[in-house]
Amino acid sequence: MSSPIRMSGMVSGLDTESIVTALTSDYQNKVDKYKKAQTKLSWKQDAWKEVNTEVNDFYNSLDKYRYSSAWSLQKATVSDATKATVSTNGKAFNGTQTLEITQLATSASLTSGKLSYTDSDKKAHTVTSSTKISDIAGGATGDLTIKVGDNDTTFTVDSDTTVNDLVNALKTAGLNASFDETQQRFYISSKSSGKDQSFSLSGSDDILKALKLDSSTRANATDGQDAIIKLDGVEYNNSTNNFSINGLNIQAQATTSSAITVTSQTDTQGIYDKVKEFISSYNDLINDLTDRYNAASSGSYEPLTDDEKSQMSDKEVEKWEKKIKTGLLRRDDTLDSIMNTLTNGMMASYYDDSVATMDINGKQTLNAGVTSAKKYSLATFGIMTKGILQSATNRQYEYHIDGDEDDDSVSSNTDKLMTAITEDPDKVIDLVKNVANNLSRNLKKQMTATSLRSVFTVYNDKEMASEYSSYTELINTWTTRLNDMQDSYYKKFSKMESTLSKLQQSTSSISGLTS
């Protein structure tokens, strides 16, 4: 149904639009109320999405600390770094071993002699990639055999075969090959090192001799060879200079005249840095949640209507909306629950894994024969919060590592963590593993799908989506009522204007008759 023409006091002189607006203000207020509520809900959804991403990222990062394999941190050093470099995958035994490097792995290579040839008129020519091999070889043609390891490739030289064709055949056979026109030489080598990668060229003697590739004319030829080392007196061979032996990765760089030493030991600094990384990632999350939970109240601030925005500058609008958005999760019960899960998990104490077993629910039970044992917490190793009174605003749940040189507030304290790692790294590792395991387990419970929330979601996203749809319906309902009521009033005013117009016309006619 089309809306009536809205005449605005053309005869009466009344400000019809203002009158109708005033008469329907209750309906407009309803529309504005639900639009503001929907906008605020949308902002709250955005805030929760941000929180959900942060919690999920932290939850996923816990895998870096939950498993023993993640803590296999060792470092290896060698007494002469010019002879070899070493590293460890964390599974080498701690201690010192002797290393001798007898031979380095090399690739097979061949450098031809310098090519030259004259034509039938005894005119000298420079060889290029497009030069025909038969021209160089005085018209000779025939087959060449390219042997790489155990594989043979036959290459036929006919009257049209060029130098470039031979280079390509060598590459196809599995070699590196090129012809340097400046040096007038072939350069050929195996793609990999090791004696199994050695190669040879055989076949037509005339062609090989003309190309300066046979044993009497080539400039240089070496076979590939394996690397040979001895670790604690045991000999090892490899086609490359890289060896992986019982958790050690050794890269031979030069032969030795006498034994050098390789030392493997627990990477105490690496463990310390990993604990610090875990604490830092927790602090980043809990500090942000605390800021949101304790945010200042937005008071009576509500989202602005378009009319209200039009009366303000962009900067004023931005400031107004920021006031609301900052406090959207203030004192939120769901946020409080997440924070409790995190803070309780960090404060818990545990037996180390050598004396107790943890079940799937996070409960520890002492092993058979163990009647009592000490429990450890983060505080045992000098990792603590500073409490409400000594902490900066909203940092009461933030953890500090005593002696941490990057934290001025505790850098002068005794470094208990590094001491503990040096003395018994397993106790520290076991504690952090158990803390991470229980955090992971309890966060997962809070991200389980329900009728109100989706899987891996810490807030009731389904409920909020339903609420958003309800606001849409309410806005549509009240917008329709507003429009209907406005149309009704405009019809009445239009009828009044029409009646007044007719009355004016009648009055004018009567005046004309009596004048």
Protein backbone atom coordinates (compact mmCIF):
# COMPACT_ATOMS: atom_id res chain seq x y z
CA MET A 1 0.00 0.00 0.00
CA SER A 2 1.45 3.36 -1.05
CA SER A 3 1.89 6.09 1.55
CA PRO A 4 -0.31 9.19 1.25
CA ILE A 5 1.11 12.49 0.05
CA ARG A 6 2.29 14.32 3.14
CA MET A 7 1.14 17.92 2.72
CA SER A 8 2.80 20.23 5.21
CA GLY A 9 0.49 23.13 6.11
CA MET A 10 0.18 24.59 2.62
CA VAL A 11 -3.19 26.18 3.50
CA SER A 12 -3.27 26.19 7.30
CA GLY A 13 0.33 27.33 7.70
CA LEU A 14 0.86 24.68 10.38
CA ASP A 15 4.24 22.88 10.77
CA THR A 16 2.57 19.54 10.12
CA GLU A 17 5.79 17.55 10.16
CA SER A 18 6.75 18.79 13.62
CA ILE A 19 3.28 18.12 14.93
CA VAL A 20 3.21 14.57 13.57
CA THR A 21 6.72 13.94 14.92
CA ALA A 22 5.56 15.07 18.37
CA LEU A 23 2.38 13.00 18.20
CA THR A 24 4.33 9.82 17.27
CA SER A 25 7.35 10.41 19.51
CA ASP A 26 6.47 7.47 21.76
CA TYR A 27 6.71 5.13 18.76
CA GLN A 28 9.99 6.70 17.61
CA ASN A 29 11.39 6.32 21.12
CA LYS A 30 10.57 2.61 20.99
CA VAL A 31 12.39 2.21 17.67
CA ASP A 32 15.40 4.15 18.96
CA LYS A 33 15.44 2.16 22.19
CA TYR A 34 15.66 -1.19 20.44
CA LYS A 35 18.18 0.06 17.85
CA LYS A 36 20.43 1.30 20.63
CA ALA A 37 20.09 -1.99 22.49
CA GLN A 38 20.91 -3.94 19.33
CA THR A 39 23.92 -1.75 18.59
CA LYS A 40 25.20 -2.21 22.13
CA LEU A 41 24.69 -5.95 21.84
CA SER A 42 26.62 -5.97 18.55
CA TRP A 43 29.53 -4.18 20.23
CA LYS A 44 29.40 -6.67 23.06
CA GLN A 45 29.54 -9.54 20.58
CA ASP A 46 32.63 -7.96 19.04
CA ALA A 47 34.24 -7.62 22.47
CA TRP A 48 33.56 -11.26 23.23
CA LYS A 49 34.97 -12.35 19.88
CA GLU A 50 38.21 -10.58 20.80
CA VAL A 51 38.30 -12.28 24.19
CA ASN A 52 37.46 -15.63 22.65
CA THR A 53 40.35 -15.32 20.20
CA GLU A 54 42.76 -14.47 23.03
CA VAL A 55 41.58 -17.39 25.19
CA ASN A 56 41.74 -19.81 22.26
CA ASP A 57 45.24 -18.66 21.33
CA PHE A 58 46.39 -19.18 24.91
CA TYR A 59 44.64 -22.57 25.09
CA ASN A 60 46.34 -23.72 21.88
CA SER A 61 49.73 -22.44 23.08
CA LEU A 62 49.54 -24.68 26.16
CA ASP A 63 50.53 -27.65 23.99
CA LYS A 64 54.03 -26.15 23.96
CA TYR A 65 54.29 -26.73 27.71
CA ARG A 66 52.11 -29.79 28.43
CA TYR A 67 54.24 -32.55 26.94
CA SER A 68 57.61 -33.94 27.98
CA SER A 69 58.84 -33.82 24.39
CA ALA A 70 58.48 -30.03 24.44
CA TRP A 71 60.99 -29.84 27.29
CA SER A 72 63.77 -31.94 25.72
CA LEU A 73 66.08 -28.97 25.78
CA GLN A 74 69.79 -29.57 25.47
CA LYS A 75 72.73 -27.68 24.09
CA ALA A 76 75.85 -29.12 22.56
CA THR A 77 79.27 -27.50 22.22
CA VAL A 78 82.43 -28.53 20.41
CA SER A 79 85.98 -27.73 21.51
CA ASP A 80 87.03 -26.57 18.03
CA ALA A 81 84.22 -24.89 16.09
CA THR A 82 86.43 -24.62 12.99
CA LYS A 83 86.34 -28.41 12.64
CA ALA A 84 82.65 -29.09 13.30
CA THR A 85 79.38 -27.63 14.49
CA VAL A 86 77.05 -29.63 16.71
CA SER A 87 73.50 -29.44 17.98
CA THR A 88 71.15 -31.82 19.74
CA ASN A 89 67.53 -32.84 19.36
CA GLY A 90 67.24 -33.15 23.14
CA LYS A 91 67.74 -36.92 23.22
CA ALA A 92 71.53 -37.10 23.49
CA PHE A 93 73.00 -38.17 26.80
CA ASN A 94 74.65 -35.49 28.88
CA GLY A 95 78.41 -35.77 28.86
CA THR A 96 81.57 -35.38 26.77
CA GLN A 97 82.53 -37.48 23.74
CA THR A 98 85.58 -37.50 21.47
CA LEU A 99 85.26 -36.67 17.78
CA GLU A 100 87.71 -37.30 14.94
CA ILE A 101 87.05 -36.22 11.35
CA THR A 102 89.06 -38.39 8.97
CA GLN A 103 87.56 -37.37 5.65
CA LEU A 104 85.04 -34.86 4.33
CA ALA A 105 82.34 -35.72 1.84
CA THR A 106 82.91 -34.27 -1.63
CA SER A 107 81.08 -34.22 -4.93
CA ALA A 108 82.54 -35.76 -8.06
CA SER A 109 83.66 -33.17 -10.60
CA LEU A 110 85.25 -32.89 -14.01
CA THR A 111 86.72 -29.83 -15.71
CA SER A 112 87.55 -30.26 -19.37
CA GLY A 113 90.65 -29.01 -21.08
CA LYS A 114 90.42 -25.80 -23.05
CA LEU A 115 88.64 -26.41 -26.31
CA SER A 116 89.86 -25.23 -29.71
CA TYR A 117 89.37 -26.36 -33.29
CA THR A 118 90.14 -25.38 -36.88
CA ASP A 119 88.05 -25.98 -39.95
CA SER A 120 89.13 -27.59 -43.22
CA ASP A 121 90.75 -24.34 -44.25
CA LYS A 122 92.76 -24.41 -41.03
CA LYS A 123 90.89 -21.37 -39.76
CA ALA A 124 90.62 -21.25 -35.93
CA HIS A 125 87.14 -20.97 -34.37
CA THR A 126 85.83 -20.19 -30.90
CA VAL A 127 83.52 -22.84 -29.49
CA THR A 128 80.03 -21.69 -28.48
CA SER A 129 77.00 -23.50 -27.12
CA SER A 130 75.61 -23.76 -30.64
CA THR A 131 78.82 -25.19 -32.16
CA LYS A 132 78.33 -28.65 -33.63
CA ILE A 133 80.33 -31.34 -31.87
CA SER A 134 81.17 -33.03 -35.19
CA ASP A 135 82.91 -29.80 -36.30
CA ILE A 136 85.06 -29.87 -33.19
CA ALA A 137 85.73 -33.60 -33.60
CA GLY A 138 86.74 -33.36 -37.28
CA GLY A 139 83.49 -34.92 -38.47
CA ALA A 140 83.42 -37.77 -35.95
CA THR A 141 80.03 -39.00 -34.69
CA GLY A 142 79.05 -41.81 -32.33
CA ASP A 143 77.65 -42.65 -28.89
CA LEU A 144 78.71 -41.46 -25.47
CA THR A 145 77.74 -43.25 -22.25
CA ILE A 146 77.05 -41.10 -19.19
CA LYS A 147 77.28 -43.22 -16.04
CA VAL A 148 76.05 -41.67 -12.78
CA GLY A 149 76.26 -44.07 -9.86
CA ASP A 150 74.66 -47.26 -11.17
CA ASN A 151 72.66 -45.57 -13.92
CA ASP A 152 73.75 -45.40 -17.56
CA THR A 153 72.48 -42.94 -20.17
CA THR A 154 73.38 -43.17 -23.84
CA PHE A 155 73.85 -39.95 -25.80
CA THR A 156 74.19 -40.04 -29.56
CA VAL A 157 76.30 -37.47 -31.34
CA ASP A 158 75.29 -36.98 -34.96
CA SER A 159 76.18 -34.33 -37.51
CA ASP A 160 73.71 -31.81 -36.00
CA THR A 161 74.39 -32.35 -32.29
CA THR A 162 75.60 -29.18 -30.54
CA VAL A 163 77.60 -28.45 -27.42
CA ASN A 164 74.38 -27.30 -25.76
CA ASP A 165 72.73 -30.65 -26.57
CA LEU A 166 75.49 -32.43 -24.69
CA VAL A 167 75.12 -30.07 -21.71
CA ASN A 168 71.38 -30.80 -21.60
CA ALA A 169 72.00 -34.55 -21.84
CA LEU A 170 74.40 -34.37 -18.91
CA LYS A 171 71.76 -32.51 -16.88
CA THR A 172 69.08 -35.04 -17.82
CA ALA A 173 71.39 -37.82 -16.64
CA GLY A 174 71.43 -36.19 -13.20
CA LEU A 175 74.53 -34.00 -13.24
CA ASN A 176 75.30 -30.33 -12.97
CA ALA A 177 76.75 -29.21 -16.28
CA SER A 178 77.63 -26.06 -18.16
CA PHE A 179 79.88 -24.81 -20.94
CA ASP A 180 81.71 -21.57 -20.23
CA GLU A 181 82.25 -19.81 -23.56
CA THR A 182 84.74 -17.41 -22.00
CA GLN A 183 86.92 -20.17 -20.56
CA GLN A 184 86.14 -22.61 -23.42
CA ARG A 185 85.66 -25.42 -20.91
CA PHE A 186 83.00 -27.88 -19.74
CA TYR A 187 82.29 -27.87 -16.01
CA ILE A 188 80.54 -31.01 -14.78
CA SER A 189 79.78 -32.19 -11.24
CA SER A 190 77.48 -34.52 -9.32
CA LYS A 191 74.44 -32.96 -7.73
CA SER A 192 75.15 -34.59 -4.39
CA SER A 193 78.26 -35.50 -2.45
CA GLY A 194 79.39 -39.05 -1.71
CA LYS A 195 81.18 -41.86 -3.47
CA ASP A 196 77.92 -43.30 -4.82
CA GLN A 197 77.45 -40.12 -6.84
CA SER A 198 80.65 -40.54 -8.86
CA PHE A 199 80.22 -40.43 -12.65
CA SER A 200 82.13 -41.22 -15.82
CA LEU A 201 81.98 -40.56 -19.56
CA SER A 202 82.86 -43.27 -22.08
CA GLY A 203 82.29 -44.10 -25.73
CA SER A 204 83.75 -42.55 -28.83
CA ASP A 205 87.40 -41.79 -28.08
CA ASP A 206 87.60 -39.27 -30.92
CA ILE A 207 84.70 -37.24 -29.53
CA LEU A 208 85.88 -37.36 -25.89
CA LYS A 209 89.38 -36.37 -26.93
CA ALA A 210 88.12 -33.51 -29.13
CA LEU A 211 85.94 -32.22 -26.28
CA LYS A 212 88.92 -32.51 -23.91
CA LEU A 213 86.95 -34.87 -21.68
CA ASP A 214 89.08 -38.02 -21.78
CA SER A 215 91.70 -38.89 -19.20
CA SER A 216 94.58 -37.50 -21.27
CA THR A 217 93.02 -34.12 -22.15
CA ARG A 218 90.79 -33.07 -19.27
CA ALA A 219 92.09 -30.49 -16.83
CA ASN A 220 90.83 -32.13 -13.66
CA ALA A 221 88.62 -34.99 -12.48
CA THR A 222 87.82 -36.14 -8.96
CA ASP A 223 85.56 -38.90 -7.71
CA GLY A 224 83.00 -38.25 -5.01
CA GLN A 225 83.81 -39.47 -1.53
CA ASP A 226 81.97 -40.08 1.72
CA ALA A 227 82.64 -38.31 4.97
CA ILE A 228 84.26 -40.45 7.66
CA ILE A 229 84.23 -39.59 11.36
CA LYS A 230 84.83 -41.35 14.64
CA LEU A 231 82.67 -40.60 17.67
CA ASP A 232 84.06 -42.13 20.86
CA GLY A 233 86.17 -44.42 18.66
CA VAL A 234 83.27 -45.74 16.58
CA GLU A 235 83.57 -45.04 12.83
CA TYR A 236 80.67 -43.63 10.83
CA ASN A 237 80.39 -43.02 7.07
CA ASN A 238 77.93 -40.71 5.30
CA SER A 239 77.50 -39.31 1.80
CA THR A 240 77.21 -35.80 3.26
CA ASN A 241 79.11 -34.02 6.01
CA ASN A 242 76.05 -34.13 8.26
CA PHE A 243 75.69 -36.93 10.81
CA SER A 244 72.81 -37.69 13.17
CA ILE A 245 74.01 -40.01 15.91
CA ASN A 246 72.09 -40.80 19.11
CA GLY A 247 70.51 -37.34 19.41
CA LEU A 248 73.57 -35.42 18.22
CA ASN A 249 73.63 -33.54 14.92
CA ILE A 250 77.23 -33.16 13.75
CA GLN A 251 78.30 -31.14 10.72
CA ALA A 252 81.90 -31.87 9.77
CA GLN A 253 83.76 -28.86 8.41
CA ALA A 254 87.42 -29.86 8.33
CA THR A 255 89.56 -32.90 9.05
CA THR A 256 91.22 -33.16 12.45
CA SER A 257 94.78 -34.10 13.29
CA SER A 258 93.75 -35.14 16.79
CA ALA A 259 90.50 -35.75 18.62
CA ILE A 260 88.29 -32.86 19.63
CA THR A 261 85.49 -33.02 22.21
CA VAL A 262 81.73 -32.70 21.96
CA THR A 263 79.84 -31.85 25.15
CA SER A 264 76.08 -32.24 25.60
CA GLN A 265 74.28 -30.81 28.60
CA THR A 266 70.86 -29.68 29.73
CA ASP A 267 70.01 -26.27 28.29
CA THR A 268 69.19 -24.55 31.57
CA GLN A 269 68.81 -21.16 29.90
CA GLY A 270 66.49 -22.68 27.31
CA ILE A 271 64.27 -24.13 30.06
CA TYR A 272 64.28 -20.82 31.93
CA ASP A 273 63.30 -18.95 28.75
CA LYS A 274 60.48 -21.42 28.07
CA VAL A 275 59.08 -20.97 31.60
CA LYS A 276 59.35 -17.21 31.16
CA GLU A 277 57.55 -17.45 27.82
CA PHE A 278 54.71 -19.37 29.48
CA ILE A 279 54.39 -16.82 32.27
CA SER A 280 54.47 -13.95 29.78
CA SER A 281 51.70 -15.43 27.63
CA TYR A 282 49.55 -15.98 30.74
CA ASN A 283 50.19 -12.40 31.91
CA ASP A 284 49.17 -10.97 28.54
CA LEU A 285 45.83 -12.77 28.73
CA ILE A 286 44.97 -12.23 32.40
CA ASN A 287 45.92 -8.54 32.28
CA ASP A 288 43.62 -7.90 29.33
CA LEU A 289 40.74 -9.77 31.01
CA THR A 290 41.31 -7.87 34.25
CA ASP A 291 41.27 -4.55 32.40
CA ARG A 292 37.95 -5.46 30.79
CA TYR A 293 36.42 -6.76 34.02
CA ASN A 294 37.42 -3.69 36.06
CA ALA A 295 36.74 -1.14 33.33
CA ALA A 296 35.07 2.12 34.36
CA SER A 297 31.30 2.15 34.13
CA SER A 298 29.82 3.84 31.08
CA GLY A 299 27.06 5.17 33.31
CA SER A 300 24.08 6.49 31.36
CA TYR A 301 25.95 6.53 28.04
CA GLU A 302 23.99 4.80 25.29
CA PRO A 303 24.66 4.39 21.55
CA LEU A 304 23.74 7.46 19.53
CA THR A 305 20.98 7.74 16.95
CA ASP A 306 21.77 9.19 13.53
CA ASP A 307 20.09 12.45 14.56
CA GLU A 308 22.20 12.64 17.71
CA LYS A 309 25.39 11.93 15.74
CA SER A 310 24.59 14.71 13.29
CA GLN A 311 24.77 17.23 16.15
CA MET A 312 28.29 16.10 17.18
CA SER A 313 31.74 16.08 15.58
CA ASP A 314 33.32 12.78 14.48
CA LYS A 315 35.81 13.02 17.33
CA GLU A 316 33.02 13.55 19.86
CA VAL A 317 31.13 10.55 18.47
CA GLU A 318 34.26 8.39 18.67
CA LYS A 319 34.92 9.43 22.25
CA TRP A 320 31.28 8.78 23.20
CA GLU A 321 31.25 5.30 21.68
CA LYS A 322 34.63 4.39 23.18
CA LYS A 323 33.25 5.19 26.62
CA ILE A 324 30.55 2.57 26.08
CA LYS A 325 32.69 -0.07 24.36
CA THR A 326 35.39 -0.01 27.06
CA GLY A 327 32.95 -1.02 29.77
CA LEU A 328 30.88 -3.63 27.90
CA LEU A 329 32.30 -6.59 29.87
CA ARG A 330 32.55 -4.78 33.19
CA ARG A 331 31.70 -7.14 36.07
CA ASP A 332 30.58 -9.79 33.57
CA ASP A 333 29.90 -13.14 35.28
CA THR A 334 31.19 -15.23 32.38
CA LEU A 335 34.39 -13.22 32.23
CA ASP A 336 34.76 -13.63 36.00
CA SER A 337 34.44 -17.41 35.59
CA ILE A 338 37.20 -17.50 32.96
CA MET A 339 39.47 -15.42 35.16
CA ASN A 340 38.86 -17.74 38.11
CA THR A 341 39.77 -20.75 35.97
CA LEU A 342 43.04 -19.11 35.01
CA THR A 343 44.03 -17.77 38.41
CA ASN A 344 43.10 -20.95 40.29
CA GLY A 345 45.05 -23.04 37.80
CA MET A 346 48.16 -20.93 38.27
CA MET A 347 48.00 -21.05 42.07
CA ALA A 348 47.58 -24.83 42.36
CA SER A 349 50.36 -27.05 43.73
CA TYR A 350 51.41 -30.50 42.51
CA TYR A 351 53.65 -33.46 43.27
CA ASP A 352 56.40 -33.96 40.72
CA ASP A 353 55.88 -36.76 38.20
CA SER A 354 58.48 -39.05 39.78
CA VAL A 355 56.28 -39.70 42.84
CA ALA A 356 52.72 -39.26 41.59
CA THR A 357 50.40 -39.97 38.68
CA MET A 358 47.76 -37.56 37.35
CA ASP A 359 44.45 -38.92 36.04
CA ILE A 360 42.39 -37.51 33.16
CA ASN A 361 40.55 -35.23 35.58
CA GLY A 362 43.76 -33.64 36.86
CA LYS A 363 43.80 -35.45 40.19
CA GLN A 364 47.21 -36.66 41.39
CA THR A 365 47.72 -39.90 43.29
CA LEU A 366 50.97 -40.88 44.99
CA ASN A 367 52.66 -43.90 43.45
CA ALA A 368 52.65 -47.24 45.24
CA GLY A 369 55.12 -47.27 48.12
CA VAL A 370 55.20 -43.47 48.40
CA THR A 371 53.56 -42.42 51.66
CA SER A 372 54.34 -38.71 51.56
CA ALA A 373 55.90 -36.20 49.22
CA LYS A 374 56.38 -32.48 48.82
CA LYS A 375 54.09 -30.48 46.59
CA TYR A 376 55.43 -27.68 44.43
CA SER A 377 53.82 -24.50 43.16
CA LEU A 378 55.06 -21.64 41.03
CA ALA A 379 55.81 -19.77 44.24
CA THR A 380 58.26 -22.54 45.22
CA PHE A 381 60.49 -21.37 42.38
CA GLY A 382 60.06 -17.65 43.00
CA ILE A 383 57.21 -17.09 40.51
CA MET A 384 54.50 -15.08 42.26
CA THR A 385 51.99 -12.27 41.96
CA LYS A 386 52.55 -9.09 43.93
CA GLY A 387 49.03 -8.98 45.32
CA ILE A 388 46.46 -6.19 45.19
CA LEU A 389 48.30 -3.74 47.46
CA GLN A 390 51.68 -3.85 45.72
CA SER A 391 50.55 -4.30 42.13
CA ALA A 392 49.83 -1.63 39.56
CA THR A 393 46.16 -1.05 38.73
CA ASN A 394 44.56 -4.21 37.32
CA ARG A 395 47.83 -6.15 37.55
CA GLN A 396 47.11 -8.07 40.74
CA TYR A 397 47.02 -11.41 38.90
CA GLU A 398 50.22 -10.83 36.92
CA TYR A 399 53.12 -13.16 37.77
CA HIS A 400 56.73 -12.08 38.29
CA ILE A 401 59.89 -14.21 38.28
CA ASP A 402 62.26 -13.27 41.08
CA GLY A 403 65.61 -12.20 39.67
CA ASP A 404 64.24 -11.62 36.16
CA GLU A 405 66.56 -8.99 34.71
CA ASP A 406 63.78 -7.75 32.42
CA ASP A 407 61.45 -7.00 35.34
CA ASP A 408 62.71 -4.04 37.39
CA SER A 409 60.26 -4.74 40.19
CA VAL A 410 61.87 -8.10 41.07
CA SER A 411 65.25 -8.08 39.31
CA SER A 412 67.11 -7.60 42.59
CA ASN A 413 65.45 -10.62 44.23
CA THR A 414 67.19 -13.99 44.53
CA ASP A 415 66.83 -16.01 41.35
CA LYS A 416 65.19 -19.18 42.66
CA LEU A 417 64.04 -20.38 39.25
CA MET A 418 67.44 -20.70 37.59
CA THR A 419 68.86 -22.25 40.74
CA ALA A 420 66.12 -24.88 40.72
CA ILE A 421 66.58 -25.58 37.01
CA THR A 422 70.32 -26.01 37.48
CA GLU A 423 69.90 -28.32 40.46
CA ASP A 424 66.92 -30.40 39.31
CA PRO A 425 65.32 -29.29 36.02
CA ASP A 426 62.77 -32.12 36.08
CA LYS A 427 61.02 -30.71 39.15
CA VAL A 428 60.49 -27.35 37.43
CA ILE A 429 59.46 -28.99 34.17
CA ASP A 430 57.00 -31.32 35.90
CA LEU A 431 55.35 -28.40 37.68
CA VAL A 432 54.90 -26.29 34.54
CA LYS A 433 53.63 -29.34 32.64
CA ASN A 434 51.02 -30.01 35.33
CA VAL A 435 49.97 -26.36 35.51
CA ALA A 436 49.60 -26.24 31.73
CA ASN A 437 47.73 -29.55 31.65
CA ASN A 438 45.15 -28.44 34.18
CA LEU A 439 44.73 -25.03 32.56
CA SER A 440 44.15 -26.77 29.25
CA ARG A 441 41.71 -29.24 30.75
CA ASN A 442 39.63 -26.63 32.59
CA LEU A 443 39.60 -24.12 29.73
CA LYS A 444 38.38 -26.89 27.43
CA LYS A 445 35.45 -27.49 29.79
CA GLN A 446 34.48 -23.84 29.47
CA MET A 447 34.60 -24.09 25.68
CA THR A 448 32.40 -27.16 25.38
CA ALA A 449 29.36 -26.65 23.13
CA THR A 450 25.98 -26.17 24.83
CA SER A 451 22.55 -24.98 23.73
CA LEU A 452 23.76 -21.44 24.44
CA ARG A 453 27.29 -21.50 22.98
CA SER A 454 29.30 -23.07 20.15
CA VAL A 455 32.29 -25.38 20.58
CA PHE A 456 35.59 -23.66 21.50
CA THR A 457 33.64 -20.60 22.55
CA VAL A 458 33.80 -19.16 26.06
CA TYR A 459 30.67 -16.98 25.82
CA ASN A 460 27.04 -17.62 24.92
CA ASP A 461 27.31 -16.73 21.25
CA LYS A 462 24.16 -18.64 20.28
CA GLU A 463 22.11 -16.86 22.94
CA MET A 464 23.46 -13.47 21.89
CA ALA A 465 22.75 -14.20 18.21
CA SER A 466 19.17 -15.10 19.12
CA GLU A 467 18.87 -11.90 21.16
CA TYR A 468 20.16 -9.89 18.20
CA SER A 469 17.48 -11.44 15.96
CA SER A 470 14.80 -10.60 18.51
CA TYR A 471 15.87 -6.95 18.46
CA THR A 472 15.63 -6.99 14.67
CA GLU A 473 12.03 -8.21 14.92
CA LEU A 474 11.16 -5.60 17.54
CA ILE A 475 12.72 -2.82 15.47
CA ASN A 476 10.77 -3.92 12.40
CA THR A 477 7.52 -4.17 14.39
CA TRP A 478 7.83 -0.73 15.95
CA THR A 479 9.06 0.85 12.72
CA THR A 480 5.91 -0.44 11.01
CA ARG A 481 3.73 0.92 13.80
CA LEU A 482 5.52 4.27 13.63
CA ASN A 483 5.04 4.52 9.89
CA ASP A 484 1.38 3.50 10.13
CA MET A 485 0.71 6.08 12.84
CA GLN A 486 2.52 8.80 10.90
CA ASP A 487 0.54 7.94 7.76
CA SER A 488 -2.69 8.11 9.73
CA TYR A 489 -1.93 11.61 11.06
CA TYR A 490 -0.74 12.83 7.68
CA LYS A 491 -4.00 11.62 6.13
CA LYS A 492 -5.98 13.60 8.68
CA PHE A 493 -3.90 16.74 8.17
CA SER A 494 -4.16 16.30 4.40
CA LYS A 495 -7.93 16.08 4.68
CA MET A 496 -7.96 19.18 6.87
CA GLU A 497 -5.82 21.08 4.37
CA SER A 498 -8.16 20.02 1.56
CA THR A 499 -11.24 21.16 3.53
CA LEU A 500 -9.62 24.50 4.35
CA SER A 501 -8.74 24.97 0.69
CA LYS A 502 -12.35 24.37 -0.36
CA LEU A 503 -13.56 26.71 2.37
CA GLN A 504 -11.20 29.43 1.13
CA GLN A 505 -12.48 28.97 -2.41
CA SER A 506 -16.12 29.23 -1.21
CA THR A 507 -15.32 32.35 0.82
CA SER A 508 -13.66 33.94 -2.19
CA SER A 509 -16.71 33.17 -4.35
CA ILE A 510 -19.11 34.70 -1.81
CA SER A 511 -16.91 37.76 -1.46
CA GLY A 512 -16.97 38.15 -5.23
CA LEU A 513 -20.77 38.08 -5.33
CA THR A 514 -21.15 40.72 -2.61
CA SER A 515 -18.46 43.06 -3.79
